[in-house]
Protein backbone atom coordinates (compact mmCIF):
# COMPACT_ATOMS: atom_id res chain seq x y z
CA MET A 1 324.02 281.73 133.17
CA THR A 2 320.64 280.58 134.47
CA ALA A 3 318.48 278.71 131.94
CA MET A 4 315.16 280.56 131.85
CA PHE A 5 313.44 278.20 129.44
CA SER A 6 313.90 274.60 128.38
CA GLU A 7 314.39 273.78 124.70
CA ALA A 8 310.96 272.15 124.69
CA LEU A 9 309.30 275.27 126.09
CA ASP A 10 311.21 277.47 123.64
CA ALA A 11 309.87 275.37 120.78
CA TYR A 12 306.35 275.53 122.23
CA LEU A 13 306.50 279.34 122.48
CA ASP A 14 307.72 279.63 118.90
CA ALA A 15 304.95 277.31 117.70
CA HIS A 16 302.28 279.39 119.41
CA ALA A 17 303.16 282.76 117.92
CA THR A 18 301.43 283.60 114.65
CA PRO A 19 304.13 283.13 111.98
CA LEU A 20 305.62 286.15 110.30
CA GLU A 21 306.44 286.25 106.59
CA PRO A 22 308.50 283.42 105.01
CA LEU A 23 311.29 285.93 104.30
CA LEU A 24 311.81 286.33 108.07
CA GLN A 25 312.02 282.57 108.53
CA GLU A 26 314.62 282.48 105.76
CA ASN A 27 316.55 285.26 107.52
CA TYR A 28 316.37 283.34 110.80
CA GLU A 29 317.63 280.11 109.23
CA GLU A 30 320.45 281.77 107.28
CA THR A 31 321.55 283.66 110.39
CA TYR A 32 321.97 280.39 112.26
CA ALA A 33 323.61 278.68 109.29
CA SER A 34 326.19 281.29 108.38
CA LEU A 35 326.83 283.89 111.11
CA SER A 36 328.63 283.86 114.42
CA SER A 37 326.59 284.44 117.60
CA PRO A 38 323.27 283.62 115.87
CA GLN A 39 321.47 283.57 119.23
CA MET A 40 321.54 287.38 119.07
CA ILE A 41 318.66 287.30 116.57
CA ALA A 42 315.29 288.44 117.88
CA GLY A 43 313.43 285.31 116.78
CA PRO A 44 309.73 284.52 116.30
CA VAL A 45 308.32 285.42 119.73
CA LEU A 46 310.08 288.76 120.09
CA GLY A 47 309.55 289.47 116.40
CA ARG A 48 305.83 288.96 116.80
CA LEU A 49 305.78 291.12 119.95
CA LEU A 50 307.54 293.94 118.09
CA ARG A 51 305.07 293.61 115.20
CA PHE A 52 302.20 293.85 117.69
CA LEU A 53 303.61 296.92 119.41
CA VAL A 54 304.37 298.74 116.19
CA SER A 55 300.96 297.89 114.74
CA LEU A 56 299.26 299.25 117.86
CA ALA A 57 301.38 302.40 118.12
CA ALA A 58 301.28 303.18 114.36
CA PRO A 59 304.60 305.07 114.57
CA ARG A 60 305.80 307.35 111.81
CA PHE A 61 309.44 307.16 112.95
CA VAL A 62 310.99 304.00 114.40
CA LEU A 63 314.59 303.89 115.61
CA GLU A 64 316.39 300.59 116.05
CA ILE A 65 319.77 300.42 117.79
CA GLY A 66 321.37 297.12 116.79
CA THR A 67 320.36 295.78 113.35
CA PHE A 68 322.25 292.47 113.51
CA THR A 69 320.87 290.51 110.51
CA GLY A 70 317.70 292.53 110.05
CA TYR A 71 315.08 290.19 111.53
CA SER A 72 313.67 292.65 114.07
CA ALA A 73 313.65 295.54 111.60
CA LEU A 74 311.68 293.40 109.13
CA ALA A 75 309.27 292.37 111.88
CA MET A 76 308.64 296.01 112.79
CA ALA A 77 308.46 297.19 109.17
CA GLY A 78 305.49 294.91 108.55
CA GLY A 79 303.52 296.76 111.22
CA LEU A 80 304.25 300.30 110.03
CA PRO A 81 301.55 302.64 108.76
CA PRO A 82 301.92 303.73 105.10
CA ASP A 83 303.94 306.84 106.06
CA GLY A 84 306.13 305.07 108.63
CA ARG A 85 309.86 304.54 108.35
CA ILE A 86 312.66 302.83 110.29
CA VAL A 87 316.22 303.99 110.84
CA THR A 88 318.28 301.04 112.04
CA CYS A 89 321.84 301.43 113.35
CA GLU A 90 324.54 298.78 112.99
CA LEU A 91 328.23 298.98 113.88
CA SER A 92 329.35 296.07 111.67
CA PRO A 93 329.45 296.75 107.89
CA GLU A 94 329.25 293.01 107.23
CA ARG A 95 326.09 292.56 109.28
CA ALA A 96 324.57 295.68 107.77
CA GLU A 97 325.20 294.31 104.27
CA PHE A 98 323.62 290.97 105.23
CA ALA A 99 320.55 292.79 106.54
CA ARG A 100 320.30 295.05 103.48
CA GLY A 101 320.07 291.97 101.28
CA TYR A 102 316.89 291.00 103.09
CA PHE A 103 315.52 294.54 103.27
CA ASP A 104 315.90 294.91 99.50
CA ARG A 105 313.91 291.72 98.95
CA SER A 106 311.10 292.75 101.30
CA PRO A 107 307.96 294.79 100.53
CA TRP A 108 309.29 297.49 102.89
CA ALA A 109 312.66 298.29 101.30
CA ASP A 110 311.76 301.96 100.89
CA ARG A 111 310.86 302.27 104.57
CA ILE A 112 314.12 301.00 106.10
CA ASP A 113 317.27 303.13 106.29
CA VAL A 114 320.46 301.45 107.57
CA ARG A 115 323.05 303.66 109.28
CA VAL A 116 326.48 302.03 109.66
CA GLY A 117 328.82 303.17 112.45
CA PRO A 118 328.69 303.92 116.17
CA ALA A 119 325.03 304.10 117.15
CA LEU A 120 325.36 307.19 119.36
CA GLU A 121 326.73 309.15 116.43
CA SER A 122 323.77 308.06 114.31
CA VAL A 123 321.26 308.91 117.05
CA ASN A 124 322.82 312.31 117.65
CA ALA A 125 322.51 313.08 113.93
CA LEU A 126 318.75 312.44 114.00
CA ASP A 127 316.27 315.10 115.04
CA GLY A 128 313.43 312.79 116.03
CA PRO A 129 310.88 312.68 117.47
CA PHE A 130 311.01 308.90 117.80
CA ASP A 131 307.63 307.20 118.09
CA PHE A 132 309.09 303.76 118.78
CA VAL A 133 312.63 302.74 119.73
CA PHE A 134 314.04 299.23 119.94
CA ILE A 135 317.40 298.84 121.72
CA ASP A 136 319.28 295.56 121.23
CA ALA A 137 323.00 296.25 120.94
CA ASP A 138 326.12 296.18 123.15
CA LYS A 139 324.95 295.97 126.75
CA ASP A 140 327.53 298.40 128.16
CA GLY A 141 326.13 301.00 125.79
CA TYR A 142 322.51 300.72 126.95
CA PRO A 143 322.57 303.65 129.43
CA GLY A 144 324.05 305.96 126.79
CA TYR A 145 321.54 304.90 124.15
CA TYR A 146 318.68 305.32 126.57
CA ASP A 147 319.80 308.79 127.65
CA ALA A 148 320.25 309.81 124.01
CA VAL A 149 316.75 308.78 122.91
CA VAL A 150 314.59 309.83 125.88
CA PRO A 151 314.84 313.57 125.10
CA LYS A 152 313.87 312.81 121.48
CA LEU A 153 310.94 310.55 122.31
CA SER A 154 307.53 311.70 121.06
CA PRO A 155 304.85 312.30 123.74
CA ARG A 156 303.28 308.88 123.17
CA GLY A 157 306.53 307.19 122.19
CA VAL A 158 307.63 303.79 123.47
CA ILE A 159 311.11 302.34 124.01
CA ALA A 160 311.52 298.54 124.00
CA VAL A 161 314.82 297.20 125.37
CA ASP A 162 315.92 293.59 124.87
CA ASN A 163 317.90 291.23 127.15
CA THR A 164 317.07 293.08 130.37
CA LEU A 165 316.92 289.84 132.39
CA SER A 166 320.34 288.68 131.15
CA GLY A 167 319.41 285.01 131.31
CA GLY A 168 317.71 285.51 134.66
CA ASP A 169 320.91 286.56 136.41
CA VAL A 170 320.25 290.28 136.89
CA ALA A 171 318.86 289.60 140.37
CA ASP A 172 322.18 288.04 141.39
CA PRO A 173 324.78 289.01 138.75
CA VAL A 174 327.55 286.55 138.03
CA ASP A 175 329.50 288.28 135.25
CA GLU A 176 330.09 291.68 133.63
CA ARG A 177 327.15 291.34 131.26
CA ASP A 178 324.79 290.65 134.14
CA ARG A 179 326.17 293.60 136.09
CA ALA A 180 325.81 295.88 133.08
CA MET A 181 322.16 294.91 132.64
CA ALA A 182 321.42 295.24 136.37
CA ALA A 183 322.99 298.71 136.34
CA PHE A 184 320.92 299.69 133.30
CA ASN A 185 317.70 298.44 134.91
CA ALA A 186 318.48 300.45 138.04
CA HIS A 187 319.21 303.51 135.90
CA VAL A 188 315.82 303.28 134.20
CA GLN A 189 314.00 302.57 137.45
CA ALA A 190 315.47 305.69 139.05
CA ASP A 191 314.65 307.98 136.11
CA GLU A 192 311.68 310.18 137.03
CA ARG A 193 311.25 311.23 133.40
CA THR A 194 309.89 307.82 132.45
CA GLU A 195 307.83 304.87 133.62
CA ASN A 196 308.64 301.27 132.79
CA VAL A 197 307.74 297.62 133.07
CA LEU A 198 310.12 294.66 132.71
CA LEU A 199 308.50 291.68 131.00
CA SER A 200 309.77 288.10 131.22
CA VAL A 201 309.60 287.62 127.46
CA ARG A 202 312.53 285.50 126.33
CA ASP A 203 315.61 287.15 127.85
CA GLY A 204 313.59 290.06 129.24
CA VAL A 205 312.03 293.01 127.44
CA THR A 206 311.57 296.36 129.18
CA LEU A 207 308.93 298.76 127.88
CA ILE A 208 309.43 302.44 128.69
CA ARG A 209 307.44 305.60 128.02
CA LEU A 210 307.53 309.17 129.22
CA ALA A 211 306.01 309.65 132.68
CA SER A 212 302.44 310.88 132.61
């Protein structure tokens, strides 16, 4: 996999994002200390970007596909308006329980609802409309998640999708993960229902909205 950033630049980026609450730093540190695949966590830069986007959009209904340890949900919850809520979907009961421990300790416990099980089942059970959607789960599932949420997106809704550069290798895929992300990017690009932009934030973040 191509290295997009050096460790020094990663540290510089983290140091130049306004810090989020200490509880999120604790979540970040415990994730790395006690869980497998800790690099899956959103982290400070993406967390701050999500907080910015949610604060600007003022969504009443946020959907997250892929809770992991709860960092990104906490980041978004801090930007919600008073009547906003988040439904976050997680396949792993163990990860969901880890995340709930942090949600319960946060000021936004009553705004975050964790759904455990296959994400598509959870999405299909929700009526929407979704004002903001964050997708960060199994990469093979991205096209299905995208197609499930687009029809339920509110008129001014935004979808943010993580890892869409796949370490920089989507332009010349070297493994199945890269090919899955390249196929997803092509799927979004060809969809006339929406418009999108792929940002080189961390491992790539694509922002999508309904076509005007």
